[in-house]
Amino acid sequence: MLLRLLPEQVARYWEEVFKGPIQSTLPPIAGESEDKMNNVLESILAGGLVVWLSYTKTDMIKVSGFIVTQLVADDPSKTLALLIYSIYSPNGFSEREWVEGFRAFGDYAHSMQCNRIVGYSNVEAVLKRVEQFGGDTSYRFLSIPII
C-alpha cells in the first residue's frame, strides 16, 4: 500500500529517515551543490515533491521503502506527467507492492490530468518492471556536466 506523507511528516523525520536515502537515489538531473538536499526538502515542504510511503499491513505495519514524485509539465505539448523522482527500498518491493504501487500511481496521475508516468533509472529490475507494465525503456537519458 502507498501512503502520501504530509510535508510536515517528512520534515519531522528528515535527518533520521529521509535525507540519506533520498540523496542516495537522486536522479542524474540533480546537480551537485552544498544546498542540494536543503533544496529537495524545501521542494517537499512547498509541495513540489511528494513523498509516498510503501508498506504492508498484516499483524504489524512493515515499511518497504518510499518513493518521491513530482508533477512535470511539457509546455510545448501542454501535457503533464508524473515523474518518479526517486525510489528507495533497502530490501526491494514485492511483486504485490509493485503492482499495487503502479495502480495507485496510475490512479493518482490520472486524477492530476497526467498522460503518463515517467522516470530515470539504470537499475535492471526497475527497467524490467516498467516493461512489464507496458512502458518504454528504449530511450536513454543524456547528461553532460557543465564545468
N, C-alpha and C. Protein backbone atom coordinates (compact mmCIF):
# COMPACT_ATOMS: atom_id res chain seq x y z
N MET A 1 0.84 -1.18 0.00
CA MET A 1 0.00 0.00 0.00
C MET A 1 0.88 1.24 0.00
N LEU A 2 0.34 2.30 -0.55
CA LEU A 2 1.05 3.57 -0.57
C LEU A 2 0.31 4.59 0.29
N LEU A 3 1.07 5.37 1.01
CA LEU A 3 0.53 6.43 1.84
C LEU A 3 1.26 7.72 1.48
N ARG A 4 0.49 8.72 1.07
CA ARG A 4 1.08 10.03 0.76
C ARG A 4 1.37 10.73 2.08
N LEU A 5 2.63 11.06 2.30
CA LEU A 5 3.01 11.73 3.54
C LEU A 5 2.80 13.23 3.42
N LEU A 6 2.44 13.84 4.52
CA LEU A 6 2.35 15.29 4.57
C LEU A 6 3.75 15.87 4.62
N PRO A 7 3.96 17.05 4.06
CA PRO A 7 5.30 17.66 4.12
C PRO A 7 5.84 17.76 5.55
N GLU A 8 4.97 18.05 6.50
CA GLU A 8 5.41 18.18 7.90
C GLU A 8 5.91 16.84 8.45
N GLN A 9 5.32 15.74 8.00
CA GLN A 9 5.77 14.42 8.45
C GLN A 9 7.18 14.14 7.93
N VAL A 10 7.43 14.50 6.69
CA VAL A 10 8.76 14.30 6.12
C VAL A 10 9.77 15.18 6.84
N ALA A 11 9.41 16.44 7.07
CA ALA A 11 10.32 17.37 7.74
C ALA A 11 10.68 16.89 9.14
N ARG A 12 9.69 16.33 9.85
CA ARG A 12 9.91 15.88 11.22
C ARG A 12 10.99 14.80 11.28
N TYR A 13 11.04 13.93 10.28
CA TYR A 13 11.99 12.81 10.29
C TYR A 13 13.04 12.93 9.18
N TRP A 14 13.25 14.13 8.68
CA TRP A 14 14.15 14.36 7.56
C TRP A 14 15.55 13.82 7.82
N GLU A 15 16.19 14.26 8.87
CA GLU A 15 17.58 13.86 9.13
C GLU A 15 17.70 12.37 9.44
N GLU A 16 16.79 11.82 10.25
CA GLU A 16 16.90 10.44 10.71
C GLU A 16 16.47 9.42 9.67
N VAL A 17 15.49 9.75 8.83
CA VAL A 17 14.87 8.75 7.96
C VAL A 17 15.05 9.05 6.48
N PHE A 18 14.76 10.26 6.06
CA PHE A 18 14.60 10.53 4.63
C PHE A 18 15.83 11.08 3.91
N LYS A 19 16.59 11.94 4.53
CA LYS A 19 17.65 12.67 3.83
C LYS A 19 18.66 11.75 3.15
N GLY A 20 19.26 10.84 3.88
CA GLY A 20 20.29 9.96 3.31
C GLY A 20 19.78 9.08 2.18
N PRO A 21 18.68 8.35 2.39
CA PRO A 21 18.15 7.51 1.32
C PRO A 21 17.74 8.30 0.07
N ILE A 22 17.11 9.45 0.25
CA ILE A 22 16.74 10.25 -0.92
C ILE A 22 17.99 10.72 -1.64
N GLN A 23 18.98 11.17 -0.89
CA GLN A 23 20.23 11.64 -1.51
C GLN A 23 20.89 10.52 -2.31
N SER A 24 20.82 9.30 -1.80
CA SER A 24 21.48 8.18 -2.49
C SER A 24 20.73 7.72 -3.74
N THR A 25 19.49 8.17 -3.91
CA THR A 25 18.69 7.73 -5.06
C THR A 25 18.25 8.89 -5.95
N LEU A 26 18.89 10.03 -5.83
CA LEU A 26 18.51 11.17 -6.66
C LEU A 26 18.77 10.87 -8.13
N PRO A 27 17.93 11.40 -9.01
CA PRO A 27 18.13 11.18 -10.44
C PRO A 27 19.34 11.96 -10.94
N PRO A 28 19.83 11.62 -12.12
CA PRO A 28 21.03 12.28 -12.64
C PRO A 28 20.83 13.74 -12.99
N ILE A 29 19.61 14.23 -12.93
CA ILE A 29 19.37 15.64 -13.23
C ILE A 29 19.70 16.54 -12.05
N ALA A 30 19.80 15.96 -10.87
CA ALA A 30 20.09 16.76 -9.67
C ALA A 30 21.55 17.19 -9.71
N GLY A 31 21.78 18.47 -9.58
CA GLY A 31 23.14 18.99 -9.60
C GLY A 31 23.83 18.82 -8.26
N GLU A 32 25.12 19.03 -8.27
CA GLU A 32 25.90 18.93 -7.04
C GLU A 32 26.12 20.32 -6.48
N SER A 33 25.49 20.59 -5.37
CA SER A 33 25.71 21.85 -4.67
C SER A 33 25.60 21.58 -3.18
N GLU A 34 26.15 22.49 -2.42
CA GLU A 34 26.08 22.34 -0.96
C GLU A 34 24.64 22.35 -0.46
N ASP A 35 23.78 23.05 -1.17
CA ASP A 35 22.40 23.21 -0.74
C ASP A 35 21.45 22.20 -1.36
N LYS A 36 21.97 21.22 -2.09
CA LYS A 36 21.12 20.30 -2.83
C LYS A 36 20.03 19.68 -1.96
N MET A 37 20.39 19.10 -0.84
CA MET A 37 19.40 18.41 -0.02
C MET A 37 18.47 19.38 0.71
N ASN A 38 18.98 20.56 1.04
CA ASN A 38 18.10 21.59 1.59
C ASN A 38 17.07 22.01 0.55
N ASN A 39 17.50 22.09 -0.72
CA ASN A 39 16.58 22.44 -1.80
C ASN A 39 15.53 21.35 -2.01
N VAL A 40 15.94 20.09 -1.88
CA VAL A 40 14.99 18.99 -2.00
C VAL A 40 13.95 19.09 -0.88
N LEU A 41 14.40 19.28 0.35
CA LEU A 41 13.47 19.42 1.47
C LEU A 41 12.55 20.63 1.26
N GLU A 42 13.10 21.72 0.80
CA GLU A 42 12.29 22.92 0.54
C GLU A 42 11.19 22.61 -0.49
N SER A 43 11.54 21.85 -1.52
CA SER A 43 10.55 21.48 -2.54
C SER A 43 9.47 20.57 -1.97
N ILE A 44 9.87 19.68 -1.06
CA ILE A 44 8.87 18.81 -0.40
C ILE A 44 7.93 19.67 0.45
N LEU A 45 8.50 20.60 1.21
CA LEU A 45 7.68 21.46 2.07
C LEU A 45 6.74 22.35 1.27
N ALA A 46 7.17 22.76 0.06
CA ALA A 46 6.35 23.62 -0.79
C ALA A 46 5.34 22.82 -1.62
N GLY A 47 5.44 21.49 -1.58
CA GLY A 47 4.51 20.66 -2.33
C GLY A 47 4.95 20.31 -3.74
N GLY A 48 6.14 20.74 -4.14
CA GLY A 48 6.65 20.41 -5.48
C GLY A 48 7.04 18.96 -5.61
N LEU A 49 7.57 18.39 -4.54
CA LEU A 49 7.88 16.96 -4.48
C LEU A 49 6.95 16.34 -3.44
N VAL A 50 6.52 15.12 -3.71
CA VAL A 50 5.64 14.40 -2.79
C VAL A 50 6.32 13.09 -2.40
N VAL A 51 6.34 12.79 -1.11
CA VAL A 51 6.93 11.55 -0.61
C VAL A 51 5.81 10.58 -0.27
N TRP A 52 5.94 9.36 -0.79
CA TRP A 52 4.97 8.28 -0.57
C TRP A 52 5.65 7.16 0.20
N LEU A 53 4.99 6.64 1.21
CA LEU A 53 5.49 5.52 1.99
C LEU A 53 4.87 4.24 1.46
N SER A 54 5.70 3.25 1.16
CA SER A 54 5.20 1.94 0.73
C SER A 54 5.26 1.01 1.94
N TYR A 55 4.13 0.36 2.23
CA TYR A 55 4.08 -0.50 3.41
C TYR A 55 3.13 -1.66 3.19
N THR A 56 3.32 -2.69 3.99
CA THR A 56 2.38 -3.81 4.03
C THR A 56 1.83 -3.88 5.44
N LYS A 57 0.59 -4.32 5.53
CA LYS A 57 -0.07 -4.38 6.84
C LYS A 57 -0.63 -5.78 7.03
N THR A 58 -0.09 -6.47 8.01
CA THR A 58 -0.63 -7.77 8.44
C THR A 58 -0.96 -7.61 9.91
N ASP A 59 -0.25 -8.31 10.77
CA ASP A 59 -0.40 -8.07 12.21
C ASP A 59 0.28 -6.76 12.60
N MET A 60 1.31 -6.43 11.83
CA MET A 60 2.09 -5.22 12.06
C MET A 60 2.19 -4.46 10.75
N ILE A 61 2.65 -3.23 10.85
CA ILE A 61 2.92 -2.45 9.64
C ILE A 61 4.40 -2.57 9.34
N LYS A 62 4.73 -2.97 8.12
CA LYS A 62 6.12 -3.11 7.69
C LYS A 62 6.37 -2.13 6.55
N VAL A 63 7.28 -1.18 6.78
CA VAL A 63 7.63 -0.20 5.76
C VAL A 63 8.63 -0.84 4.80
N SER A 64 8.31 -0.77 3.50
CA SER A 64 9.18 -1.36 2.48
C SER A 64 10.11 -0.33 1.86
N GLY A 65 9.73 0.92 1.91
CA GLY A 65 10.53 1.97 1.30
C GLY A 65 9.68 3.18 1.03
N PHE A 66 10.22 4.09 0.24
CA PHE A 66 9.44 5.26 -0.13
C PHE A 66 9.81 5.73 -1.52
N ILE A 67 8.89 6.48 -2.09
CA ILE A 67 9.00 6.96 -3.45
C ILE A 67 8.76 8.46 -3.42
N VAL A 68 9.55 9.21 -4.18
CA VAL A 68 9.37 10.66 -4.29
C VAL A 68 8.89 10.96 -5.71
N THR A 69 7.81 11.72 -5.81
CA THR A 69 7.26 12.05 -7.13
C THR A 69 7.17 13.56 -7.32
N GLN A 70 7.02 13.93 -8.59
CA GLN A 70 6.86 15.33 -8.96
C GLN A 70 5.99 15.41 -10.21
N LEU A 71 5.08 16.35 -10.25
CA LEU A 71 4.34 16.61 -11.48
C LEU A 71 5.21 17.49 -12.37
N VAL A 72 5.40 17.07 -13.61
CA VAL A 72 6.21 17.85 -14.54
C VAL A 72 5.38 18.19 -15.77
N ALA A 73 5.54 19.42 -16.23
CA ALA A 73 4.80 19.90 -17.40
C ALA A 73 5.72 19.95 -18.61
N ASP A 74 5.18 19.51 -19.73
CA ASP A 74 5.86 19.68 -21.01
C ASP A 74 5.12 20.81 -21.73
N ASP A 75 5.68 22.00 -21.69
CA ASP A 75 4.99 23.17 -22.22
C ASP A 75 4.64 23.07 -23.70
N PRO A 76 5.56 22.60 -24.57
CA PRO A 76 5.20 22.55 -25.99
C PRO A 76 3.97 21.68 -26.29
N SER A 77 3.86 20.55 -25.59
CA SER A 77 2.71 19.66 -25.85
C SER A 77 1.53 19.94 -24.92
N LYS A 78 1.75 20.83 -23.95
CA LYS A 78 0.71 21.16 -22.97
C LYS A 78 0.21 19.91 -22.25
N THR A 79 1.15 19.06 -21.84
CA THR A 79 0.79 17.84 -21.12
C THR A 79 1.53 17.78 -19.79
N LEU A 80 0.98 16.99 -18.89
CA LEU A 80 1.59 16.73 -17.58
C LEU A 80 1.99 15.27 -17.49
N ALA A 81 3.03 15.01 -16.73
CA ALA A 81 3.44 13.64 -16.43
C ALA A 81 3.78 13.56 -14.95
N LEU A 82 3.62 12.37 -14.40
CA LEU A 82 4.05 12.11 -13.03
C LEU A 82 5.46 11.55 -13.10
N LEU A 83 6.42 12.30 -12.59
CA LEU A 83 7.81 11.88 -12.58
C LEU A 83 8.09 11.11 -11.30
N ILE A 84 8.59 9.89 -11.43
CA ILE A 84 9.10 9.15 -10.28
C ILE A 84 10.51 9.70 -10.07
N TYR A 85 10.65 10.60 -9.12
CA TYR A 85 11.90 11.32 -8.90
C TYR A 85 12.95 10.43 -8.26
N SER A 86 12.54 9.65 -7.27
CA SER A 86 13.46 8.69 -6.67
C SER A 86 12.68 7.57 -5.99
N ILE A 87 13.32 6.42 -5.92
CA ILE A 87 12.74 5.24 -5.28
C ILE A 87 13.78 4.70 -4.30
N TYR A 88 13.36 4.44 -3.08
CA TYR A 88 14.25 3.84 -2.09
C TYR A 88 13.56 2.66 -1.44
N SER A 89 14.20 1.51 -1.52
CA SER A 89 13.69 0.31 -0.85
C SER A 89 14.90 -0.57 -0.53
N PRO A 90 15.34 -0.57 0.72
CA PRO A 90 16.57 -1.30 1.05
C PRO A 90 16.50 -2.80 0.76
N ASN A 91 15.31 -3.40 0.84
CA ASN A 91 15.17 -4.83 0.59
C ASN A 91 14.34 -5.13 -0.65
N GLY A 92 14.03 -4.10 -1.42
CA GLY A 92 13.23 -4.28 -2.63
C GLY A 92 11.75 -4.38 -2.32
N PHE A 93 10.95 -4.18 -3.35
CA PHE A 93 9.50 -4.29 -3.23
C PHE A 93 9.06 -5.66 -3.72
N SER A 94 8.02 -6.18 -3.11
CA SER A 94 7.47 -7.47 -3.54
C SER A 94 6.69 -7.28 -4.84
N GLU A 95 6.39 -8.38 -5.49
CA GLU A 95 5.57 -8.34 -6.71
C GLU A 95 4.26 -7.60 -6.43
N ARG A 96 3.62 -7.93 -5.33
CA ARG A 96 2.35 -7.30 -4.97
C ARG A 96 2.51 -5.79 -4.78
N GLU A 97 3.59 -5.38 -4.12
CA GLU A 97 3.82 -3.96 -3.90
C GLU A 97 4.03 -3.22 -5.22
N TRP A 98 4.76 -3.84 -6.15
CA TRP A 98 4.95 -3.23 -7.47
C TRP A 98 3.62 -3.03 -8.17
N VAL A 99 2.80 -4.06 -8.18
CA VAL A 99 1.51 -3.99 -8.88
C VAL A 99 0.59 -2.97 -8.22
N GLU A 100 0.47 -3.04 -6.89
CA GLU A 100 -0.38 -2.08 -6.17
C GLU A 100 0.14 -0.65 -6.33
N GLY A 101 1.45 -0.49 -6.26
CA GLY A 101 2.04 0.84 -6.42
C GLY A 101 1.80 1.41 -7.80
N PHE A 102 1.98 0.57 -8.82
CA PHE A 102 1.75 1.02 -10.19
C PHE A 102 0.29 1.46 -10.37
N ARG A 103 -0.62 0.68 -9.85
CA ARG A 103 -2.05 1.05 -9.95
C ARG A 103 -2.33 2.35 -9.20
N ALA A 104 -1.79 2.46 -8.00
CA ALA A 104 -2.03 3.67 -7.20
C ALA A 104 -1.45 4.90 -7.88
N PHE A 105 -0.23 4.79 -8.41
CA PHE A 105 0.35 5.94 -9.10
C PHE A 105 -0.39 6.24 -10.39
N GLY A 106 -0.87 5.21 -11.06
CA GLY A 106 -1.68 5.43 -12.26
C GLY A 106 -2.95 6.19 -11.94
N ASP A 107 -3.62 5.79 -10.86
CA ASP A 107 -4.85 6.49 -10.44
C ASP A 107 -4.54 7.93 -10.05
N TYR A 108 -3.46 8.12 -9.30
CA TYR A 108 -3.08 9.47 -8.87
C TYR A 108 -2.73 10.32 -10.09
N ALA A 109 -1.92 9.79 -10.99
CA ALA A 109 -1.53 10.54 -12.19
C ALA A 109 -2.77 10.92 -13.00
N HIS A 110 -3.69 9.99 -13.14
CA HIS A 110 -4.92 10.27 -13.88
C HIS A 110 -5.72 11.39 -13.21
N SER A 111 -5.80 11.35 -11.88
CA SER A 111 -6.55 12.37 -11.15
C SER A 111 -5.90 13.75 -11.27
N MET A 112 -4.60 13.78 -11.57
CA MET A 112 -3.88 15.04 -11.73
C MET A 112 -3.79 15.46 -13.20
N GLN A 113 -4.53 14.79 -14.07
CA GLN A 113 -4.57 15.04 -15.51
C GLN A 113 -3.23 14.77 -16.21
N CYS A 114 -2.45 13.84 -15.68
CA CYS A 114 -1.20 13.43 -16.33
C CYS A 114 -1.53 12.43 -17.44
N ASN A 115 -0.69 12.43 -18.48
CA ASN A 115 -0.91 11.47 -19.55
C ASN A 115 0.06 10.30 -19.49
N ARG A 116 1.01 10.34 -18.55
CA ARG A 116 1.92 9.21 -18.38
C ARG A 116 2.71 9.34 -17.08
N ILE A 117 3.34 8.24 -16.73
CA ILE A 117 4.29 8.20 -15.61
C ILE A 117 5.66 8.07 -16.23
N VAL A 118 6.62 8.89 -15.79
CA VAL A 118 7.97 8.86 -16.35
C VAL A 118 8.99 8.75 -15.22
N GLY A 119 10.21 8.42 -15.57
CA GLY A 119 11.27 8.32 -14.58
C GLY A 119 12.61 8.08 -15.23
N TYR A 120 13.64 8.04 -14.41
CA TYR A 120 15.00 7.76 -14.84
C TYR A 120 15.49 6.56 -14.05
N SER A 121 16.14 5.63 -14.69
CA SER A 121 16.71 4.51 -13.94
C SER A 121 17.74 3.77 -14.77
N ASN A 122 18.73 3.25 -14.09
CA ASN A 122 19.68 2.33 -14.70
C ASN A 122 19.67 1.00 -13.93
N VAL A 123 18.65 0.81 -13.12
CA VAL A 123 18.51 -0.41 -12.32
C VAL A 123 17.71 -1.42 -13.15
N GLU A 124 18.35 -2.53 -13.46
CA GLU A 124 17.75 -3.52 -14.35
C GLU A 124 16.38 -4.00 -13.86
N ALA A 125 16.23 -4.22 -12.57
CA ALA A 125 14.94 -4.69 -12.03
C ALA A 125 13.84 -3.66 -12.26
N VAL A 126 14.17 -2.39 -12.14
CA VAL A 126 13.18 -1.34 -12.38
C VAL A 126 12.81 -1.30 -13.86
N LEU A 127 13.81 -1.41 -14.73
CA LEU A 127 13.55 -1.40 -16.17
C LEU A 127 12.63 -2.56 -16.56
N LYS A 128 12.86 -3.72 -15.98
CA LYS A 128 12.00 -4.88 -16.28
C LYS A 128 10.57 -4.64 -15.80
N ARG A 129 10.41 -4.02 -14.64
CA ARG A 129 9.07 -3.73 -14.14
C ARG A 129 8.34 -2.75 -15.06
N VAL A 130 9.06 -1.73 -15.51
CA VAL A 130 8.45 -0.76 -16.42
C VAL A 130 7.96 -1.46 -17.69
N GLU A 131 8.79 -2.34 -18.23
CA GLU A 131 8.39 -3.09 -19.42
C GLU A 131 7.20 -4.01 -19.12
N GLN A 132 7.19 -4.60 -17.93
CA GLN A 132 6.09 -5.47 -17.51
C GLN A 132 4.76 -4.72 -17.53
N PHE A 133 4.81 -3.43 -17.18
CA PHE A 133 3.60 -2.62 -17.15
C PHE A 133 3.33 -1.91 -18.48
N GLY A 134 4.03 -2.32 -19.53
CA GLY A 134 3.79 -1.77 -20.86
C GLY A 134 4.55 -0.49 -21.15
N GLY A 135 5.53 -0.16 -20.33
CA GLY A 135 6.30 1.06 -20.53
C GLY A 135 7.42 0.90 -21.54
N ASP A 136 7.93 2.01 -22.01
CA ASP A 136 9.01 2.06 -22.99
C ASP A 136 10.32 2.39 -22.28
N THR A 137 11.31 1.53 -22.40
CA THR A 137 12.61 1.76 -21.78
C THR A 137 13.71 1.95 -22.82
N SER A 138 13.33 2.23 -24.05
CA SER A 138 14.33 2.30 -25.13
C SER A 138 15.08 3.63 -25.16
N TYR A 139 14.55 4.68 -24.54
CA TYR A 139 15.23 5.96 -24.57
C TYR A 139 16.37 5.98 -23.56
N ARG A 140 17.36 6.81 -23.83
CA ARG A 140 18.48 6.97 -22.90
C ARG A 140 18.51 8.40 -22.40
N PHE A 141 18.83 8.54 -21.14
CA PHE A 141 18.99 9.86 -20.55
C PHE A 141 20.41 10.33 -20.85
N LEU A 142 20.54 11.50 -21.41
CA LEU A 142 21.84 12.06 -21.75
C LEU A 142 22.17 13.17 -20.76
N SER A 143 23.38 13.16 -20.25
CA SER A 143 23.76 14.14 -19.25
C SER A 143 25.21 14.55 -19.47
N ILE A 144 25.42 15.82 -19.71
CA ILE A 144 26.76 16.36 -19.89
C ILE A 144 26.95 17.44 -18.84
N PRO A 145 27.87 17.24 -17.89
CA PRO A 145 28.07 18.26 -16.86
C PRO A 145 28.69 19.53 -17.46
N ILE A 146 28.25 20.66 -16.97
CA ILE A 146 28.79 21.95 -17.37
C ILE A 146 29.82 22.35 -16.33
N ILE A 147 31.02 22.55 -16.80
CA ILE A 147 32.12 22.86 -15.87
C ILE A 147 32.37 24.34 -15.81
